[in-house]
């Protein structure tokens, strides 16, 4: 059984769902879609939340353009990423629209386990 956590983030992080993948349902997706952009994305806070929730998970999928407009940004994210590794997250993947993607942040985040 594949355990999944769905966490939304912008200026804050909100746990939308936690449980087996097969039990993720339309209500959870609707709750995610009901969130509207609040004008700032704190990627570092979202990554810290992921680290604190790591539990049995060793992979992280970030669905974002990685345009961090609040909190820690740029090379300072390496410290936050190291926190993921200390909590056992060994692989980070990013799903994003390539036209809006912050390539530098993406490279830093996805190369963290090398």
PDB file of N, CA and C in Angstrom:
ATOM      1  N   UNK A   1       0.848  -1.192   0.000  1.00  0.00           N
ATOM      2  CA  UNK A   1       0.000   0.000   0.000  1.00  0.00           C
ATOM      3  C   UNK A   1       0.880   1.237   0.000  1.00  0.00           C
ATOM      4  N   UNK A   2       0.715   2.091  -0.980  1.00  0.00           N
ATOM      5  CA  UNK A   2       1.535   3.290  -1.120  1.00  0.00           C
ATOM      6  C   UNK A   2       0.977   4.421  -0.258  1.00  0.00           C
ATOM      7  N   UNK A   3       1.738   4.844   0.783  1.00  0.00           N
ATOM      8  CA  UNK A   3       1.280   5.969   1.603  1.00  0.00           C
ATOM      9  C   UNK A   3       1.563   7.291   0.898  1.00  0.00           C
ATOM     10  N   UNK A   4       0.604   8.225   0.999  1.00  0.00           N
ATOM     11  CA  UNK A   4       0.698   9.512   0.310  1.00  0.00           C
ATOM     12  C   UNK A   4       0.282  10.621   1.263  1.00  0.00           C
ATOM     13  N   UNK A   5       0.974  11.759   1.138  1.00  0.00           N
ATOM     14  CA  UNK A   5       0.526  12.985   1.802  1.00  0.00           C
ATOM     15  C   UNK A   5       0.380  14.044   0.738  1.00  0.00           C
ATOM     16  N   UNK A   6      -0.715  14.770   0.762  1.00  0.00           N
ATOM     17  CA  UNK A   6      -0.959  15.867  -0.161  1.00  0.00           C
ATOM     18  C   UNK A   6      -0.980  17.148   0.668  1.00  0.00           C
ATOM     19  N   UNK A   7       0.016  17.994   0.440  1.00  0.00           N
ATOM     20  CA  UNK A   7       0.158  19.225   1.205  1.00  0.00           C
ATOM     21  C   UNK A   7       0.178  20.395   0.232  1.00  0.00           C
ATOM     22  N   UNK A   8      -0.687  21.357   0.441  1.00  0.00           N
ATOM     23  CA  UNK A   8      -0.733  22.566  -0.385  1.00  0.00           C
ATOM     24  C   UNK A   8       0.085  23.652   0.303  1.00  0.00           C
ATOM     25  N   UNK A   9       0.689  24.518  -0.509  1.00  0.00           N
ATOM     26  CA  UNK A   9       1.452  25.606   0.092  1.00  0.00           C
ATOM     27  C   UNK A   9       1.381  26.860  -0.761  1.00  0.00           C
ATOM     28  N   UNK A  10       1.492  27.964  -0.073  1.00  0.00           N
ATOM     29  CA  UNK A  10       1.697  29.300  -0.620  1.00  0.00           C
ATOM     30  C   UNK A  10       2.333  30.069   0.530  1.00  0.00           C
ATOM     31  N   UNK A  11       1.604  30.973   1.172  1.00  0.00           N
ATOM     32  CA  UNK A  11       2.147  31.658   2.347  1.00  0.00           C
ATOM     33  C   UNK A  11       2.120  30.767   3.581  1.00  0.00           C
ATOM     34  N   UNK A  12       1.340  29.714   3.504  1.00  0.00           N
ATOM     35  CA  UNK A  12       1.230  28.745   4.583  1.00  0.00           C
ATOM     36  C   UNK A  12       1.173  27.346   3.976  1.00  0.00           C
ATOM     37  N   UNK A  13       1.363  26.343   4.810  1.00  0.00           N
ATOM     38  CA  UNK A  13       1.210  24.969   4.333  1.00  0.00           C
ATOM     39  C   UNK A  13      -0.013  24.362   4.998  1.00  0.00           C
ATOM     40  N   UNK A  14      -0.758  23.591   4.215  1.00  0.00           N
ATOM     41  CA  UNK A  14      -1.983  22.971   4.707  1.00  0.00           C
ATOM     42  C   UNK A  14      -1.992  21.511   4.285  1.00  0.00           C
ATOM     43  N   UNK A  15      -2.154  20.619   5.260  1.00  0.00           N
ATOM     44  CA  UNK A  15      -2.245  19.202   4.962  1.00  0.00           C
ATOM     45  C   UNK A  15      -3.640  18.906   4.404  1.00  0.00           C
ATOM     46  N   UNK A  16      -3.709  18.486   3.149  1.00  0.00           N
ATOM     47  CA  UNK A  16      -4.986  18.199   2.492  1.00  0.00           C
ATOM     48  C   UNK A  16      -5.389  16.741   2.706  1.00  0.00           C
ATOM     49  N   UNK A  17      -4.424  15.819   2.603  1.00  0.00           N
ATOM     50  CA  UNK A  17      -4.726  14.392   2.708  1.00  0.00           C
ATOM     51  C   UNK A  17      -3.504  13.633   3.198  1.00  0.00           C
ATOM     52  N   UNK A  18      -3.738  12.626   3.989  1.00  0.00           N
ATOM     53  CA  UNK A  18      -2.693  11.704   4.417  1.00  0.00           C
ATOM     54  C   UNK A  18      -3.320  10.323   4.534  1.00  0.00           C
ATOM     55  N   UNK A  19      -2.750   9.357   3.819  1.00  0.00           N
ATOM     56  CA  UNK A  19      -3.287   8.003   3.859  1.00  0.00           C
ATOM     57  C   UNK A  19      -2.864   7.224   2.631  1.00  0.00           C
ATOM     58  N   UNK A  20      -3.496   6.087   2.427  1.00  0.00           N
ATOM     59  CA  UNK A  20      -3.139   5.282   1.255  1.00  0.00           C
ATOM     60  C   UNK A  20      -3.579   5.968  -0.037  1.00  0.00           C
ATOM     61  N   UNK A  21      -2.755   5.828  -1.076  1.00  0.00           N
ATOM     62  CA  UNK A  21      -3.057   6.448  -2.363  1.00  0.00           C
ATOM     63  C   UNK A  21      -4.446   6.071  -2.853  1.00  0.00           C
ATOM     64  N   UNK A  22      -4.820   4.818  -2.681  1.00  0.00           N
ATOM     65  CA  UNK A  22      -6.123   4.349  -3.195  1.00  0.00           C
ATOM     66  C   UNK A  22      -7.310   5.052  -2.537  1.00  0.00           C
ATOM     67  N   UNK A  23      -7.091   5.667  -1.378  1.00  0.00           N
ATOM     68  CA  UNK A  23      -8.186   6.349  -0.687  1.00  0.00           C
ATOM     69  C   UNK A  23      -8.258   7.843  -0.982  1.00  0.00           C
ATOM     70  N   UNK A  24      -7.267   8.368  -1.702  1.00  0.00           N
ATOM     71  CA  UNK A  24      -7.321   9.760  -2.133  1.00  0.00           C
ATOM     72  C   UNK A  24      -8.520   9.903  -3.058  1.00  0.00           C
ATOM     73  N   UNK A  25      -9.394  10.869  -2.778  1.00  0.00           N
ATOM     74  CA  UNK A  25     -10.622  10.936  -3.567  1.00  0.00           C
ATOM     75  C   UNK A  25     -10.900  12.340  -4.104  1.00  0.00           C
ATOM     76  N   UNK A  26     -12.028  12.470  -4.764  1.00  0.00           N
ATOM     77  CA  UNK A  26     -12.406  13.738  -5.401  1.00  0.00           C
ATOM     78  C   UNK A  26     -12.533  14.880  -4.411  1.00  0.00           C
ATOM     79  N   UNK A  27     -12.978  14.583  -3.196  1.00  0.00           N
ATOM     80  CA  UNK A  27     -13.106  15.639  -2.189  1.00  0.00           C
ATOM     81  C   UNK A  27     -11.742  16.232  -1.839  1.00  0.00           C
ATOM     82  N   UNK A  28     -10.718  15.381  -1.777  1.00  0.00           N
ATOM     83  CA  UNK A  28      -9.364  15.862  -1.490  1.00  0.00           C
ATOM     84  C   UNK A  28      -8.859  16.742  -2.630  1.00  0.00           C
ATOM     85  N   UNK A  29      -9.082  16.317  -3.851  1.00  0.00           N
ATOM     86  CA  UNK A  29      -8.660  17.102  -5.017  1.00  0.00           C
ATOM     87  C   UNK A  29      -9.443  18.414  -5.067  1.00  0.00           C
ATOM     88  N   UNK A  30     -10.729  18.352  -4.742  1.00  0.00           N
ATOM     89  CA  UNK A  30     -11.551  19.568  -4.716  1.00  0.00           C
ATOM     90  C   UNK A  30     -11.029  20.547  -3.656  1.00  0.00           C
ATOM     91  N   UNK A  31     -10.618  20.025  -2.505  1.00  0.00           N
ATOM     92  CA  UNK A  31     -10.068  20.895  -1.457  1.00  0.00           C
ATOM     93  C   UNK A  31      -8.782  21.569  -1.940  1.00  0.00           C
ATOM     94  N   UNK A  32      -7.973  20.836  -2.681  1.00  0.00           N
ATOM     95  CA  UNK A  32      -6.754  21.417  -3.234  1.00  0.00           C
ATOM     96  C   UNK A  32      -7.084  22.499  -4.260  1.00  0.00           C
ATOM     97  N   UNK A  33      -8.011  22.188  -5.144  1.00  0.00           N
ATOM     98  CA  UNK A  33      -8.392  23.157  -6.186  1.00  0.00           C
ATOM     99  C   UNK A  33      -9.095  24.386  -5.624  1.00  0.00           C
ATOM    100  N   UNK A  34      -9.756  24.242  -4.495  1.00  0.00           N
ATOM    101  CA  UNK A  34     -10.486  25.361  -3.894  1.00  0.00           C
ATOM    102  C   UNK A  34      -9.545  26.422  -3.329  1.00  0.00           C
ATOM    103  N   UNK A  35      -8.296  26.037  -3.103  1.00  0.00           N
ATOM    104  CA  UNK A  35      -7.313  27.009  -2.616  1.00  0.00           C
ATOM    105  C   UNK A  35      -6.934  27.939  -3.758  1.00  0.00           C
ATOM    106  N   UNK A  36      -6.936  29.204  -3.480  1.00  0.00           N
ATOM    107  CA  UNK A  36      -6.578  30.184  -4.496  1.00  0.00           C
ATOM    108  C   UNK A  36      -5.202  30.762  -4.151  1.00  0.00           C
ATOM    109  N   UNK A  37      -4.438  31.195  -5.149  1.00  0.00           N
ATOM    110  CA  UNK A  37      -3.121  31.781  -4.868  1.00  0.00           C
ATOM    111  C   UNK A  37      -3.253  32.993  -3.953  1.00  0.00           C
ATOM    112  N   UNK A  38      -2.358  33.065  -2.981  1.00  0.00           N
ATOM    113  CA  UNK A  38      -2.394  34.169  -2.032  1.00  0.00           C
ATOM    114  C   UNK A  38      -1.318  35.217  -2.322  1.00  0.00           C
ATOM    115  N   UNK A  39      -0.609  35.054  -3.416  1.00  0.00           N
ATOM    116  CA  UNK A  39       0.331  36.087  -3.825  1.00  0.00           C
ATOM    117  C   UNK A  39       1.764  35.890  -3.396  1.00  0.00           C
ATOM    118  N   UNK A  40       2.065  34.852  -2.661  1.00  0.00           N
ATOM    119  CA  UNK A  40       3.450  34.585  -2.259  1.00  0.00           C
ATOM    120  C   UNK A  40       3.588  33.095  -2.006  1.00  0.00           C
ATOM    121  N   UNK A  41       4.732  32.548  -2.379  1.00  0.00           N
ATOM    122  CA  UNK A  41       4.988  31.131  -2.159  1.00  0.00           C
ATOM    123  C   UNK A  41       6.222  30.974  -1.285  1.00  0.00           C
ATOM    124  N   UNK A  42       6.029  30.337  -0.148  1.00  0.00           N
ATOM    125  CA  UNK A  42       7.130  30.075   0.771  1.00  0.00           C
ATOM    126  C   UNK A  42       7.558  28.625   0.588  1.00  0.00           C
ATOM    127  N   UNK A  43       8.406  28.398  -0.412  1.00  0.00           N
ATOM    128  CA  UNK A  43       8.877  27.057  -0.733  1.00  0.00           C
ATOM    129  C   UNK A  43       9.642  26.448   0.432  1.00  0.00           C
ATOM    130  N   UNK A  44      10.448  27.241   1.112  1.00  0.00           N
ATOM    131  CA  UNK A  44      11.223  26.731   2.245  1.00  0.00           C
ATOM    132  C   UNK A  44      10.302  26.185   3.337  1.00  0.00           C
ATOM    133  N   UNK A  45       9.231  26.896   3.645  1.00  0.00           N
ATOM    134  CA  UNK A  45       8.285  26.420   4.657  1.00  0.00           C
ATOM    135  C   UNK A  45       7.633  25.114   4.210  1.00  0.00           C
ATOM    136  N   UNK A  46       7.306  25.019   2.925  1.00  0.00           N
ATOM    137  CA  UNK A  46       6.711  23.784   2.406  1.00  0.00           C
ATOM    138  C   UNK A  46       7.692  22.617   2.519  1.00  0.00           C
ATOM    139  N   UNK A  47       8.961  22.865   2.216  1.00  0.00           N
ATOM    140  CA  UNK A  47       9.967  21.807   2.325  1.00  0.00           C
ATOM    141  C   UNK A  47      10.204  21.418   3.777  1.00  0.00           C
ATOM    142  N   UNK A  48      10.183  22.394   4.682  1.00  0.00           N
ATOM    143  CA  UNK A  48      10.322  22.073   6.114  1.00  0.00           C
ATOM    144  C   UNK A  48       9.148  21.214   6.578  1.00  0.00           C
ATOM    145  N   UNK A  49       7.958  21.540   6.107  1.00  0.00           N
ATOM    146  CA  UNK A  49       6.785  20.730   6.452  1.00  0.00           C
ATOM    147  C   UNK A  49       6.959  19.316   5.918  1.00  0.00           C
ATOM    148  N   UNK A  50       7.410  19.192   4.675  1.00  0.00           N
ATOM    149  CA  UNK A  50       7.642  17.863   4.103  1.00  0.00           C
ATOM    150  C   UNK A  50       8.642  17.086   4.944  1.00  0.00           C
ATOM    151  N   UNK A  51       9.694  17.748   5.398  1.00  0.00           N
ATOM    152  CA  UNK A  51      10.694  17.081   6.227  1.00  0.00           C
ATOM    153  C   UNK A  51      10.091  16.618   7.553  1.00  0.00           C
ATOM    154  N   UNK A  52       9.238  17.449   8.133  1.00  0.00           N
ATOM    155  CA  UNK A  52       8.644  17.089   9.427  1.00  0.00           C
ATOM    156  C   UNK A  52       7.627  15.972   9.298  1.00  0.00           C
ATOM    157  N   UNK A  53       7.065  15.799   8.117  1.00  0.00           N
ATOM    158  CA  UNK A  53       6.061  14.764   7.879  1.00  0.00           C
ATOM    159  C   UNK A  53       6.635  13.514   7.226  1.00  0.00           C
ATOM    160  N   UNK A  54       7.933  13.496   7.036  1.00  0.00           N
ATOM    161  CA  UNK A  54       8.551  12.451   6.214  1.00  0.00           C
ATOM    162  C   UNK A  54       8.114  11.041   6.606  1.00  0.00           C
ATOM    163  N   UNK A  55       8.134  10.707   7.873  1.00  0.00           N
ATOM    164  CA  UNK A  55       7.710   9.379   8.298  1.00  0.00           C
ATOM    165  C   UNK A  55       8.330   8.288   7.449  1.00  0.00           C
ATOM    166  N   UNK A  56       7.500   7.403   6.895  1.00  0.00           N
ATOM    167  CA  UNK A  56       8.046   6.301   6.099  1.00  0.00           C
ATOM    168  C   UNK A  56       8.375   6.708   4.661  1.00  0.00           C
ATOM    169  N   UNK A  57       8.110   7.942   4.302  1.00  0.00           N
ATOM    170  CA  UNK A  57       8.300   8.383   2.921  1.00  0.00           C
ATOM    171  C   UNK A  57       9.767   8.688   2.645  1.00  0.00           C
ATOM    172  N   UNK A  58      10.273   8.235   1.501  1.00  0.00           N
ATOM    173  CA  UNK A  58      11.642   8.580   1.125  1.00  0.00           C
ATOM    174  C   UNK A  58      11.686   9.335  -0.195  1.00  0.00           C
ATOM    175  N   UNK A  59      10.490   9.636  -0.729  1.00  0.00           N
ATOM    176  CA  UNK A  59      10.401  10.394  -1.978  1.00  0.00           C
ATOM    177  C   UNK A  59       9.453  11.561  -1.792  1.00  0.00           C
ATOM    178  N   UNK A  60       9.752  12.638  -2.531  1.00  0.00           N
ATOM    179  CA  UNK A  60       8.935  13.843  -2.473  1.00  0.00           C
ATOM    180  C   UNK A  60       8.676  14.310  -3.897  1.00  0.00           C
ATOM    181  N   UNK A  61       7.419  14.564  -4.206  1.00  0.00           N
ATOM    182  CA  UNK A  61       7.044  15.143  -5.492  1.00  0.00           C
ATOM    183  C   UNK A  61       6.536  16.549  -5.220  1.00  0.00           C
ATOM    184  N   UNK A  62       7.211  17.539  -5.797  1.00  0.00           N
ATOM    185  CA  UNK A  62       6.818  18.933  -5.638  1.00  0.00           C
ATOM    186  C   UNK A  62       6.156  19.365  -6.938  1.00  0.00           C
ATOM    187  N   UNK A  63       4.906  19.794  -6.848  1.00  0.00           N
ATOM    188  CA  UNK A  63       4.187  20.313  -8.009  1.00  0.00           C
ATOM    189  C   UNK A  63       4.135  21.824  -7.828  1.00  0.00           C
ATOM    190  N   UNK A  64       4.992  22.511  -8.576  1.00  0.00           N
ATOM    191  CA  UNK A  64       5.150  23.945  -8.369  1.00  0.00           C
ATOM    192  C   UNK A  64       6.007  24.529  -9.486  1.00  0.00           C
ATOM    193  N   UNK A  65       5.931  25.842  -9.657  1.00  0.00           N
ATOM    194  CA  UNK A  65       6.861  26.500 -10.573  1.00  0.00           C
ATOM    195  C   UNK A  65       8.171  26.834  -9.861  1.00  0.00           C
ATOM    196  N   UNK A  66       8.215  26.587  -8.548  1.00  0.00           N
ATOM    197  CA  UNK A  66       9.397  26.825  -7.705  1.00  0.00           C
ATOM    198  C   UNK A  66       9.805  28.290  -7.671  1.00  0.00           C
ATOM    199  N   UNK A  67       8.849  29.180  -7.927  1.00  0.00           N
ATOM    200  CA  UNK A  67       9.099  30.620  -7.819  1.00  0.00           C
ATOM    201  C   UNK A  67       8.868  31.020  -6.364  1.00  0.00           C
ATOM    202  N   UNK A  68       9.895  30.886  -5.550  1.00  0.00           N
ATOM    203  CA  UNK A  68       9.795  31.235  -4.131  1.00  0.00           C
ATOM    204  C   UNK A  68       9.783  32.754  -3.997  1.00  0.00           C
ATOM    205  N   UNK A  69       8.665  33.290  -3.550  1.00  0.00           N
ATOM    206  CA  UNK A  69       8.535  34.744  -3.420  1.00  0.00           C
ATOM    207  C   UNK A  69       8.401  35.173  -1.969  1.00  0.00           C
ATOM    208  N   UNK A  70       8.542  34.224  -1.055  1.00  0.00           N
ATOM    209  CA  UNK A  70       8.516  34.513   0.378  1.00  0.00           C
ATOM    210  C   UNK A  70       9.457  33.524   1.061  1.00  0.00           C
ATOM    211  N   UNK A  71       9.932  33.880   2.242  1.00  0.00           N
ATOM    212  CA  UNK A  71      10.807  32.977   2.988  1.00  0.00           C
ATOM    213  C   UNK A  71      12.188  32.874   2.367  1.00  0.00           C
ATOM    214  N   UNK A  72      12.889  31.801   2.688  1.00  0.00           N
ATOM    215  CA  UNK A  72      14.244  31.553   2.205  1.00  0.00           C
ATOM    216  C   UNK A  72      14.213  31.301   0.711  1.00  0.00           C
ATOM    217  N   UNK A  73      15.176  31.883  -0.008  1.00  0.00           N
ATOM    218  CA  UNK A  73      15.227  31.731  -1.458  1.00  0.00           C
ATOM    219  C   UNK A  73      16.655  31.470  -1.909  1.00  0.00           C
ATOM    220  N   UNK A  74      16.796  31.102  -3.175  1.00  0.00           N
ATOM    221  CA  UNK A  74      18.111  30.943  -3.790  1.00  0.00           C
ATOM    222  C   UNK A  74      18.960  29.886  -3.123  1.00  0.00           C
ATOM    223  N   UNK A  75      20.242  30.185  -2.993  1.00  0.00           N
ATOM    224  CA  UNK A  75      21.190  29.198  -2.468  1.00  0.00           C
ATOM    225  C   UNK A  75      20.922  28.851  -1.007  1.00  0.00           C
ATOM    226  N   UNK A  76      20.221  29.722  -0.261  1.00  0.00           N
ATOM    227  CA  UNK A  76      19.888  29.410   1.133  1.00  0.00           C
ATOM    228  C   UNK A  76      18.949  28.214   1.249  1.00  0.00           C
ATOM    229  N   UNK A  77      18.326  27.832   0.146  1.00  0.00           N
ATOM    230  CA  UNK A  77      17.460  26.654   0.162  1.00  0.00           C
ATOM    231  C   UNK A  77      18.258  25.378   0.401  1.00  0.00           C
ATOM    232  N   UNK A  78      19.554  25.389   0.136  1.00  0.00           N
ATOM    233  CA  UNK A  78      20.365  24.179   0.341  1.00  0.00           C
ATOM    234  C   UNK A  78      20.290  23.688   1.786  1.00  0.00           C
ATOM    235  N   UNK A  79      20.254  24.605   2.732  1.00  0.00           N
ATOM    236  CA  UNK A  79      20.145  24.225   4.145  1.00  0.00           C
ATOM    237  C   UNK A  79      18.813  23.534   4.404  1.00  0.00           C
ATOM    238  N   UNK A  80      17.759  24.070   3.828  1.00  0.00           N
ATOM    239  CA  UNK A  80      16.438  23.479   3.986  1.00  0.00           C
ATOM    240  C   UNK A  80      16.412  22.096   3.326  1.00  0.00           C
ATOM    241  N   UNK A  81      17.014  21.980   2.159  1.00  0.00           N
ATOM    242  CA  UNK A  81      17.057  20.711   1.436  1.00  0.00           C
ATOM    243  C   UNK A  81      17.849  19.667   2.231  1.00  0.00           C
ATOM    244  N   UNK A  82      18.911  20.090   2.893  1.00  0.00           N
ATOM    245  CA  UNK A  82      19.686  19.166   3.729  1.00  0.00           C
ATOM    246  C   UNK A  82      18.806  18.587   4.835  1.00  0.00           C
ATOM    247  N   UNK A  83      17.840  19.373   5.305  1.00  0.00           N
ATOM    248  CA  UNK A  83      16.884  18.876   6.303  1.00  0.00           C
ATOM    249  C   UNK A  83      16.039  17.735   5.761  1.00  0.00           C
ATOM    250  N   UNK A  84      15.707  17.784   4.482  1.00  0.00           N
ATOM    251  CA  UNK A  84      14.974  16.686   3.861  1.00  0.00           C
ATOM    252  C   UNK A  84      15.806  15.410   3.902  1.00  0.00           C
ATOM    253  N   UNK A  85      17.064  15.542   3.547  1.00  0.00           N
ATOM    254  CA  UNK A  85      17.957  14.385   3.511  1.00  0.00           C
ATOM    255  C   UNK A  85      18.142  13.785   4.904  1.00  0.00           C
ATOM    256  N   UNK A  86      18.269  14.640   5.909  1.00  0.00           N
ATOM    257  CA  UNK A  86      18.422  14.142   7.284  1.00  0.00           C
ATOM    258  C   UNK A  86      17.191  13.380   7.745  1.00  0.00           C
ATOM    259  N   UNK A  87      16.017  13.723   7.207  1.00  0.00           N
ATOM    260  CA  UNK A  87      14.770  13.039   7.584  1.00  0.00           C
ATOM    261  C   UNK A  87      14.492  11.811   6.719  1.00  0.00           C
ATOM    262  N   UNK A  88      15.417  11.478   5.826  1.00  0.00           N
ATOM    263  CA  UNK A  88      15.280  10.246   5.056  1.00  0.00           C
ATOM    264  C   UNK A  88      14.696  10.402   3.669  1.00  0.00           C
ATOM    265  N   UNK A  89      14.416  11.636   3.245  1.00  0.00           N
ATOM    266  CA  UNK A  89      13.918  11.831   1.885  1.00  0.00           C
ATOM    267  C   UNK A  89      15.116  11.756   0.949  1.00  0.00           C
ATOM    268  N   UNK A  90      15.133  10.725   0.124  1.00  0.00           N
ATOM    269  CA  UNK A  90      16.275  10.438  -0.730  1.00  0.00           C
ATOM    270  C   UNK A  90      16.103  10.917  -2.163  1.00  0.00           C
ATOM    271  N   UNK A  91      14.871  11.189  -2.551  1.00  0.00           N
ATOM    272  CA  UNK A  91      14.633  11.615  -3.934  1.00  0.00           C
ATOM    273  C   UNK A  91      13.564  12.699  -3.956  1.00  0.00           C
ATOM    274  N   UNK A  92      13.837  13.751  -4.722  1.00  0.00           N
ATOM    275  CA  UNK A  92      12.875  14.832  -4.925  1.00  0.00           C
ATOM    276  C   UNK A  92      12.660  14.979  -6.425  1.00  0.00           C
ATOM    277  N   UNK A  93      11.405  14.930  -6.841  1.00  0.00           N
ATOM    278  CA  UNK A  93      11.034  15.167  -8.234  1.00  0.00           C
ATOM    279  C   UNK A  93      10.175  16.416  -8.289  1.00  0.00           C
ATOM    280  N   UNK A  94      10.207  17.075  -9.442  1.00  0.00           N
ATOM    281  CA  UNK A  94       9.421  18.297  -9.637  1.00  0.00           C
ATOM    282  C   UNK A  94       8.540  18.127 -10.863  1.00  0.00           C
ATOM    283  N   UNK A  95       7.275  18.461 -10.713  1.00  0.00           N
ATOM    284  CA  UNK A  95       6.317  18.478 -11.810  1.00  0.00           C
ATOM    285  C   UNK A  95       5.893  19.930 -11.989  1.00  0.00           C
ATOM    286  N   UNK A  96       6.195  20.493 -13.174  1.00  0.00           N
ATOM    287  CA  UNK A  96       5.932  21.921 -13.362  1.00  0.00           C
ATOM    288  C   UNK A  96       5.754  22.257 -14.832  1.00  0.00           C
ATOM    289  N   UNK A  97       5.161  23.402 -15.073  1.00  0.00           N
ATOM    290  CA  UNK A  97       5.091  23.971 -16.407  1.00  0.00           C
ATOM    291  C   UNK A  97       6.474  24.535 -16.710  1.00  0.00           C
ATOM    292  N   UNK A  98       7.133  23.988 -17.715  1.00  0.00           N
ATOM    293  CA  UNK A  98       8.524  24.366 -18.019  1.00  0.00           C
ATOM    294  C   UNK A  98       8.683  25.854 -18.308  1.00  0.00           C
ATOM    295  N   UNK A  99       7.666  26.497 -18.847  1.00  0.00           N
ATOM    296  CA  UNK A  99       7.780  27.926 -19.183  1.00  0.00           C
ATOM    297  C   UNK A  99       7.875  28.810 -17.947  1.00  0.00           C
ATOM    298  N   UNK A 100       7.301  28.363 -16.828  1.00  0.00           N
ATOM    299  CA  UNK A 100       7.292  29.178 -15.612  1.00  0.00           C
ATOM    300  C   UNK A 100       8.296  28.692 -14.568  1.00  0.00           C
ATOM    301  N   UNK A 101       8.951  27.586 -14.821  1.00  0.00           N
ATOM    302  CA  UNK A 101       9.805  26.939 -13.834  1.00  0.00           C
ATOM    303  C   UNK A 101      11.062  27.742 -13.517  1.00  0.00           C
ATOM    304  N   UNK A 102      11.371  27.868 -12.230  1.00  0.00           N
ATOM    305  CA  UNK A 102      12.630  28.453 -11.795  1.00  0.00           C
ATOM    306  C   UNK A 102      13.695  27.361 -11.922  1.00  0.00           C
ATOM    307  N   UNK A 103      14.466  27.417 -12.987  1.00  0.00           N
ATOM    308  CA  UNK A 103      15.425  26.355 -13.321  1.00  0.00           C
ATOM    309  C   UNK A 103      16.502  26.193 -12.243  1.00  0.00           C
ATOM    310  N   UNK A 104      16.989  27.294 -11.698  1.00  0.00           N
ATOM    311  CA  UNK A 104      18.045  27.224 -10.680  1.00  0.00           C
ATOM    312  C   UNK A 104      17.561  26.475  -9.428  1.00  0.00           C
ATOM    313  N   UNK A 105      16.389  26.835  -8.949  1.00  0.00           N
ATOM    314  CA  UNK A 105      15.829  26.173  -7.776  1.00  0.00           C
ATOM    315  C   UNK A 105      15.553  24.709  -8.080  1.00  0.00           C
ATOM    316  N   UNK A 106      15.052  24.434  -9.269  1.00  0.00           N
ATOM    317  CA  UNK A 106      14.770  23.053  -9.661  1.00  0.00           C
ATOM    318  C   UNK A 106      16.050  22.214  -9.638  1.00  0.00           C
ATOM    319  N   UNK A 107      17.113  22.742 -10.204  1.00  0.00           N
ATOM    320  CA  UNK A 107      18.386  22.015 -10.242  1.00  0.00           C
ATOM    321  C   UNK A 107      18.906  21.760  -8.827  1.00  0.00           C
ATOM    322  N   UNK A 108      18.798  22.744  -7.963  1.00  0.00           N
ATOM    323  CA  UNK A 108      19.248  22.595  -6.582  1.00  0.00           C
ATOM    324  C   UNK A 108      18.437  21.540  -5.854  1.00  0.00           C
ATOM    325  N   UNK A 109      17.137  21.588  -6.016  1.00  0.00           N
ATOM    326  CA  UNK A 109      16.239  20.683  -5.306  1.00  0.00           C
ATOM    327  C   UNK A 109      16.373  19.245  -5.795  1.00  0.00           C
ATOM    328  N   UNK A 110      16.404  19.050  -7.083  1.00  0.00           N
ATOM    329  CA  UNK A 110      16.406  17.688  -7.616  1.00  0.00           C
ATOM    330  C   UNK A 110      17.782  17.043  -7.607  1.00  0.00           C
ATOM    331  N   UNK A 111      18.840  17.818  -7.462  1.00  0.00           N
ATOM    332  CA  UNK A 111      20.195  17.265  -7.387  1.00  0.00           C
ATOM    333  C   UNK A 111      20.634  17.021  -5.958  1.00  0.00           C
ATOM    334  N   UNK A 112      19.745  17.253  -5.001  1.00  0.00           N
ATOM    335  CA  UNK A 112      20.131  17.202  -3.597  1.00  0.00           C
ATOM    336  C   UNK A 112      20.609  15.836  -3.137  1.00  0.00           C
ATOM    337  N   UNK A 113      20.116  14.765  -3.737  1.00  0.00           N
ATOM    338  CA  UNK A 113      20.492  13.433  -3.302  1.00  0.00           C
ATOM    339  C   UNK A 113      21.726  12.877  -3.962  1.00  0.00           C
ATOM    340  N   UNK A 114      22.352  13.630  -4.847  1.00  0.00           N
ATOM    341  CA  UNK A 114      23.520  13.129  -5.575  1.00  0.00           C
ATOM    342  C   UNK A 114      24.763  13.145  -4.705  1.00  0.00           C
TER     343      UNK A 114
END
